C-alpha atoms as a PDB file:
ATOM      1  CA  MET A   1      -3.066 -12.622  -6.897  1.00  0.00           C
ATOM      2  CA  MET A   2      -5.315  -9.915  -6.383  1.00  0.00           C
ATOM      3  CA  PHE A   3      -5.362  -7.740  -3.293  1.00  0.00           C
ATOM      4  CA  PHE A   4      -7.433  -4.902  -2.294  1.00  0.00           C
ATOM      5  CA  ILE A   5      -4.942  -1.651  -0.891  1.00  0.00           C
ATOM      6  CA  GLN A   6      -6.096  -1.728   2.950  1.00  0.00           C
ATOM      7  CA  PHE A   7      -2.859  -0.654   4.242  1.00  0.00           C
ATOM      8  CA  SER A   8       0.601   0.248   3.750  1.00  0.00           C
ATOM      9  CA  LEU A   9       2.547  -1.681   0.966  1.00  0.00           C
ATOM     10  CA  GLU A  10       4.875  -2.811   3.146  1.00  0.00           C
ATOM     11  CA  GLN A  11       2.463  -4.950   5.244  1.00  0.00           C
ATOM     12  CA  HIS A  12       1.507  -6.373   1.993  1.00  0.00           C
ATOM     13  CA  LEU A  13       4.390  -7.682   0.941  1.00  0.00           C
ATOM     14  CA  PRO A  14       4.667 -10.956   2.822  1.00  0.00           C
ATOM     15  CA  GLY A  15       1.129 -11.752   1.489  1.00  0.00           C
ATOM     16  CA  VAL A  16       2.930 -11.139  -2.251  1.00  0.00           C
ATOM     17  CA  GLU A  17       5.842 -13.127  -1.475  1.00  0.00           C
ATOM     18  CA  LEU A  18       4.185 -16.007  -0.339  1.00  0.00           C
ATOM     19  CA  TYR A  19       2.250 -15.700  -3.263  1.00  0.00           C
ATOM     20  CA  ARG A  20       5.467 -15.483  -5.775  1.00  0.00           C
ATOM     21  CA  GLU A  21       6.683 -18.538  -3.621  1.00  0.00           C
ATOM     22  CA  SER A  22       4.144 -20.660  -4.136  1.00  0.00           C
ATOM     23  CA  TYR A  23       3.237 -19.847  -7.712  1.00  0.00           C
ATOM     24  CA  ARG A  24       7.276 -20.850  -9.021  1.00  0.00           C
ATOM     25  CA  LYS A  25       6.999 -23.842  -6.775  1.00  0.00           C
ATOM     26  CA  HIS A  26       3.528 -25.524  -8.295  1.00  0.00           C
ATOM     27  CA  GLN A  27       4.453 -24.150 -11.760  1.00  0.00           C
ATOM     28  CA  HIS A  28       8.042 -23.867 -11.951  1.00  0.00           C
ATOM     29  CA  ARG A  29       7.826 -20.432 -13.582  1.00  0.00           C
ATOM     30  CA  PRO A  30       8.244 -17.060 -12.233  1.00  0.00           C
ATOM     31  CA  ALA A  31       4.317 -15.527 -10.950  1.00  0.00           C
ATOM     32  CA  PRO A  32       2.571 -13.357 -12.706  1.00  0.00           C
ATOM     33  CA  PRO A  33       2.674  -9.357 -11.481  1.00  0.00           C
ATOM     34  CA  PRO A  34      -0.191  -9.057  -8.822  1.00  0.00           C
ATOM     35  CA  LEU A  35      -3.295  -7.424  -9.305  1.00  0.00           C
ATOM     36  CA  ALA A  36      -3.243  -4.208  -6.925  1.00  0.00           C
ATOM     37  CA  ILE A  37      -6.910  -2.471  -6.342  1.00  0.00           C
ATOM     38  CA  ASP A  38      -7.036   1.038  -5.015  1.00  0.00           C
ATOM     39  CA  PHE A  39     -10.052   3.301  -4.972  1.00  0.00           C
ATOM     40  CA  THR A  40      -9.340   5.830  -6.776  1.00  0.00           C
ATOM     41  CA  ILE A  41     -10.185   9.797  -6.991  1.00  0.00           C
ATOM     42  CA  CYS A  42      -8.174  11.713  -9.429  1.00  0.00           C
ATOM     43  CA  ASP A  43      -8.419  15.942  -9.858  1.00  0.00           C
ATOM     44  CA  ARG A  44      -7.102  18.783 -10.686  1.00  0.00           C
ATOM     45  CA  ASP A  45      -6.647  19.858  -7.249  1.00  0.00           C
ATOM     46  CA  ALA A  46      -5.288  17.700  -4.533  1.00  0.00           C
ATOM     47  CA  GLY A  47      -7.105  19.394  -1.389  1.00  0.00           C
ATOM     48  CA  ARG A  48     -10.454  18.310  -3.278  1.00  0.00           C
ATOM     49  CA  ALA A  49      -8.776  15.037  -3.877  1.00  0.00           C
ATOM     50  CA  GLU A  50      -8.107  14.226  -0.305  1.00  0.00           C
ATOM     51  CA  GLU A  51     -11.106  15.336   0.876  1.00  0.00           C
ATOM     52  CA  MET A  52     -13.176  13.229  -1.646  1.00  0.00           C
ATOM     53  CA  THR A  53     -10.921  10.061  -0.750  1.00  0.00           C
ATOM     54  CA  MET A  54     -11.334  10.620   2.811  1.00  0.00           C
ATOM     55  CA  ARG A  55     -14.729  11.025   2.722  1.00  0.00           C
ATOM     56  CA  TYR A  56     -16.444   7.739   0.307  1.00  0.00           C
ATOM     57  CA  ALA A  57     -12.847   5.512   0.286  1.00  0.00           C
ATOM     58  CA  ALA A  58     -13.500   5.811   3.922  1.00  0.00           C
ATOM     59  CA  GLY A  59     -16.967   5.279   3.277  1.00  0.00           C
ATOM     60  CA  TYR A  60     -16.955   2.551   1.306  1.00  0.00           C
ATOM     61  CA  TYR A  61     -14.667   0.670   4.053  1.00  0.00           C
ATOM     62  CA  LEU A  62     -16.905   1.437   7.063  1.00  0.00           C
ATOM     63  CA  SER A  63     -20.037   0.110   4.589  1.00  0.00           C
ATOM     64  CA  VAL A  64     -17.360  -3.531   4.083  1.00  0.00           C
ATOM     65  CA  ILE A  65     -16.659  -3.403   8.270  1.00  0.00           C
ATOM     66  CA  LYS A  66     -20.690  -3.339   8.709  1.00  0.00           C
ATOM     67  CA  HIS A  67     -21.434  -6.532   5.417  1.00  0.00           C
ATOM     68  CA  TYR A  68     -18.746  -8.663   6.748  1.00  0.00           C
ATOM     69  CA  GLU A  69     -18.939  -7.817  10.754  1.00  0.00           C
ATOM     70  CA  PHE A  70     -15.385  -7.660  11.043  1.00  0.00           C
ATOM     71  CA  ASN A  71     -16.550  -5.739  14.109  1.00  0.00           C
ATOM     72  CA  SER A  72     -17.868  -8.684  15.888  1.00  0.00           C
ATOM     73  CA  ASP A  73     -16.249 -10.988  17.198  1.00  0.00           C
ATOM     74  CA  TYR A  74     -17.945 -14.382  16.825  1.00  0.00           C
ATOM     75  CA  HIS A  75     -15.789 -15.187  13.667  1.00  0.00           C
ATOM     76  CA  ALA A  76     -13.085 -16.981  15.812  1.00  0.00           C
ATOM     77  CA  GLN A  77     -15.753 -19.890  16.316  1.00  0.00           C
ATOM     78  CA  LEU A  78     -16.183 -20.456  12.703  1.00  0.00           C
ATOM     79  CA  LYS A  79     -13.275 -22.286  11.058  1.00  0.00           C
ATOM     80  CA  GLY A  80     -11.938 -20.890   7.903  1.00  0.00           C
ATOM     81  CA  TYR A  81     -13.205 -17.303   9.427  1.00  0.00           C
ATOM     82  CA  GLU A  82      -9.722 -16.980  12.023  1.00  0.00           C
ATOM     83  CA  ASN A  83      -9.033 -13.665   9.499  1.00  0.00           C
ATOM     84  CA  TYR A  84     -12.045 -12.420  10.028  1.00  0.00           C
ATOM     85  CA  ALA A  85     -11.316 -12.792  13.937  1.00  0.00           C
ATOM     86  CA  ASN A  86      -7.991 -10.995  13.824  1.00  0.00           C
ATOM     87  CA  ALA A  87      -8.977  -8.222  11.435  1.00  0.00           C
ATOM     88  CA  ALA A  88     -12.127  -7.443  14.223  1.00  0.00           C
ATOM     89  CA  GLN A  89      -9.635  -7.277  17.166  1.00  0.00           C
ATOM     90  CA  ILE A  90      -7.213  -5.092  14.763  1.00  0.00           C
ATOM     91  CA  LEU A  91     -10.126  -3.176  14.634  1.00  0.00           C
ATOM     92  CA  ARG A  92     -11.233  -2.825  18.172  1.00  0.00           C
ATOM     93  CA  GLU A  93      -7.926  -2.037  19.135  1.00  0.00           C
ATOM     94  CA  THR A  94      -7.657   0.838  16.099  1.00  0.00           C
ATOM     95  CA  GLY A  95     -11.110   1.917  16.341  1.00  0.00           C
ATOM     96  CA  LEU A  96     -13.361   2.032  13.528  1.00  0.00           C
ATOM     97  CA  ASP A  97     -12.596   5.796  12.427  1.00  0.00           C
ATOM     98  CA  LYS A  98      -8.805   5.745  12.818  1.00  0.00           C
ATOM     99  CA  ALA A  99      -9.120   2.003  10.765  1.00  0.00           C
ATOM    100  CA  ALA A 100     -11.338   4.337   7.947  1.00  0.00           C
ATOM    101  CA  GLU A 101      -8.711   6.955   7.522  1.00  0.00           C
ATOM    102  CA  THR A 102      -5.653   4.515   7.251  1.00  0.00           C
ATOM    103  CA  TYR A 103      -7.633   2.739   4.706  1.00  0.00           C
ATOM    104  CA  ALA A 104      -8.721   5.593   2.628  1.00  0.00           C
ATOM    105  CA  SER A 105      -5.040   7.787   2.973  1.00  0.00           C
ATOM    106  CA  GLN A 106      -3.204   3.647   1.121  1.00  0.00           C
ATOM    107  CA  GLN A 107      -5.395   4.582  -1.615  1.00  0.00           C
ATOM    108  CA  ALA A 108      -3.469   5.747  -5.207  1.00  0.00           C
ATOM    109  CA  TYR A 109      -5.543   9.497  -4.917  1.00  0.00           C
ATOM    110  CA  GLY A 110      -4.697  13.014  -5.680  1.00  0.00           C
ATOM    111  CA  THR A 111      -3.626  14.841  -8.618  1.00  0.00           C
ATOM    112  CA  PRO A 112      -2.505  13.000 -11.957  1.00  0.00           C
ATOM    113  CA  GLN A 113       1.416  13.625 -10.369  1.00  0.00           C
ATOM    114  CA  GLN A 114       0.197  12.032  -7.191  1.00  0.00           C
ATOM    115  CA  ILE A 115      -1.190   9.133  -8.281  1.00  0.00           C
ATOM    116  CA  LEU A 116       1.532   8.542 -10.578  1.00  0.00           C
ATOM    117  CA  ASP A 117       4.283   9.470  -7.954  1.00  0.00           C
ATOM    118  CA  LYS A 118       2.468   6.768  -5.726  1.00  0.00           C
ATOM    119  CA  LEU A 119       1.954   4.321  -8.244  1.00  0.00           C
ATOM    120  CA  GLU A 120       5.608   4.620  -9.034  1.00  0.00           C
ATOM    121  CA  ASP A 121       6.983   4.269  -5.407  1.00  0.00           C
ATOM    122  CA  ARG A 122       4.474   1.091  -5.116  1.00  0.00           C
ATOM    123  CA  ARG A 123       6.292  -0.291  -7.984  1.00  0.00           C
ATOM    124  CA  SER A 124       9.862   0.280  -6.374  1.00  0.00           C
ATOM    125  CA  LYS A 125       8.782  -1.979  -3.837  1.00  0.00           C
ATOM    126  CA  LEU A 126       6.625  -4.146  -5.344  1.00  0.00           C
ATOM    127  CA  GLY A 127       7.698  -4.469  -8.440  1.00  0.00           C
ATOM    128  CA  ASP A 128       5.504  -4.807 -11.661  1.00  0.00           C
ATOM    129  CA  PHE A 129       2.100  -4.912 -10.808  1.00  0.00           C
ATOM    130  CA  GLU A 130      -1.512  -4.759 -12.449  1.00  0.00           C
ATOM    131  CA  TRP A 131      -3.367  -2.337 -11.645  1.00  0.00           C
ATOM    132  CA  ASN A 132      -7.252  -2.086 -10.823  1.00  0.00           C
ATOM    133  CA  VAL A 133      -9.051   1.094  -9.954  1.00  0.00           C
ATOM    134  CA  CYS A 134     -12.554   1.178  -8.368  1.00  0.00           C
ATOM    135  CA  SER A 135     -13.944   4.358  -9.408  1.00  0.00           C
ATOM    136  CA  SER A 136     -17.569   4.591  -8.363  1.00  0.00           C
ATOM    137  CA  PHE A 137     -18.478   4.033  -4.765  1.00  0.00           C
ATOM    138  CA  ALA A 138     -19.676   5.141  -1.403  1.00  0.00           C
ATOM    139  CA  GLY A 139     -22.662   7.209  -3.219  1.00  0.00           C
ATOM    140  CA  MET A 140     -19.892   9.322  -4.889  1.00  0.00           C
ATOM    141  CA  PRO A 141     -22.098  11.902  -7.431  1.00  0.00           C
ATOM    142  CA  PHE A 142     -21.526  10.348 -10.735  1.00  0.00           C
ATOM    143  CA  LYS A 143     -20.404  13.546 -11.968  1.00  0.00           C
ATOM    144  CA  ASP A 144     -17.249  13.471  -9.929  1.00  0.00           C
ATOM    145  CA  VAL A 145     -17.011   9.526 -10.554  1.00  0.00           C
ATOM    146  CA  GLU A 146     -16.680  10.679 -14.815  1.00  0.00           C
ATOM    147  CA  SER A 147     -14.757  13.594 -13.968  1.00  0.00           C
ATOM    148  CA  SER A 148     -12.150  11.411 -12.023  1.00  0.00           C
ATOM    149  CA  MET A 149     -12.399   8.741 -14.547  1.00  0.00           C
ATOM    150  CA  ARG A 150     -11.404  11.344 -17.597  1.00  0.00           C
ATOM    151  CA  LEU A 151      -9.004  12.766 -15.721  1.00  0.00           C
ATOM    152  CA  LEU A 152      -7.461   9.351 -15.244  1.00  0.00           C
ATOM    153  CA  GLY A 153      -7.710   8.411 -19.006  1.00  0.00           C
ATOM    154  CA  LYS A 154      -6.306  11.812 -20.368  1.00  0.00           C
ATOM    155  CA  GLU A 155      -3.151  11.818 -17.957  1.00  0.00           C
ATOM    156  CA  VAL A 156      -2.564   8.548 -16.124  1.00  0.00           C
ATOM    157  CA  LEU A 157      -2.888   5.973 -18.139  1.00  0.00           C
ATOM    158  CA  PRO A 158      -1.065   7.362 -21.175  1.00  0.00           C
ATOM    159  CA  GLU A 159       1.731   7.952 -18.480  1.00  0.00           C
ATOM    160  CA  LEU A 160       1.424   4.304 -17.150  1.00  0.00           C
ATOM    161  CA  ARG A 161       1.844   2.565 -20.504  1.00  0.00           C
ATOM    162  CA  LYS A 162       4.810   4.078 -20.920  1.00  0.00           C
ATOM    163  CA  TRP A 163       6.312   1.935 -18.121  1.00  0.00           C
ATOM    164  CA  GLY A 164       6.231  -0.868 -20.720  1.00  0.00           C
ATOM    165  CA  GLU A 165       3.900  -4.479 -21.887  1.00  0.00           C
ATOM    166  CA  ASP A 166       3.663  -6.762 -19.019  1.00  0.00           C
ATOM    167  CA  THR A 167       6.374  -9.640 -19.700  1.00  0.00           C
ATOM    168  CA  PHE A 168       3.980 -12.259 -18.377  1.00  0.00           C
ATOM    169  CA  GLU A 169       3.289 -15.113 -20.463  1.00  0.00           C
ATOM    170  CA  PRO A 170       0.770 -17.364 -19.399  1.00  0.00           C
ATOM    171  CA  VAL A 171       0.711 -21.484 -20.362  1.00  0.00           C
ATOM    172  CA  ARG A 172      -1.567 -21.761 -22.816  1.00  0.00           C
ATOM    173  CA  ALA A 173      -3.397 -25.154 -22.873  1.00  0.00           C
ATOM    174  CA  SER A 174      -3.102 -27.546 -25.517  1.00  0.00           C
ATOM    175  CA  ALA A 175      -6.478 -28.971 -27.330  1.00  0.00           C
END
């Protein structure tokens, strides 16, 4: 299972639990850790990281809303797109700007320590998970993308590696 961090982790947990239950039922073993995807900006200056996240992650979110036409109401009539209709209703109730701000605020961003703290909090609620980082989005200048990635690689990833190896062992197909 993979999911984009879109709102609070508590709102994601029912879907993760459904995945785990279904996997165990059908595969007769524990599910692999879910893959959580963040739009991450890492900077030594917490205020700068937050400002950039609110600008670029929120900008990315708004581009997704436009692309998938989530703020339109015709999805309810399309079989298989009922969840889009639900999302459109929530967006109308919340407002695009507030929804984009909420989305951006849930991402793992900040100083290296702030990111580690957010991921550790996520791990305490979710259990083991894989982490995927989107590092270039919404027209963010490449110099900022590179700086963020280098700082993540230097100070965040080595700490995450200390969490231990993934214990999931996939079943290999026999030849």
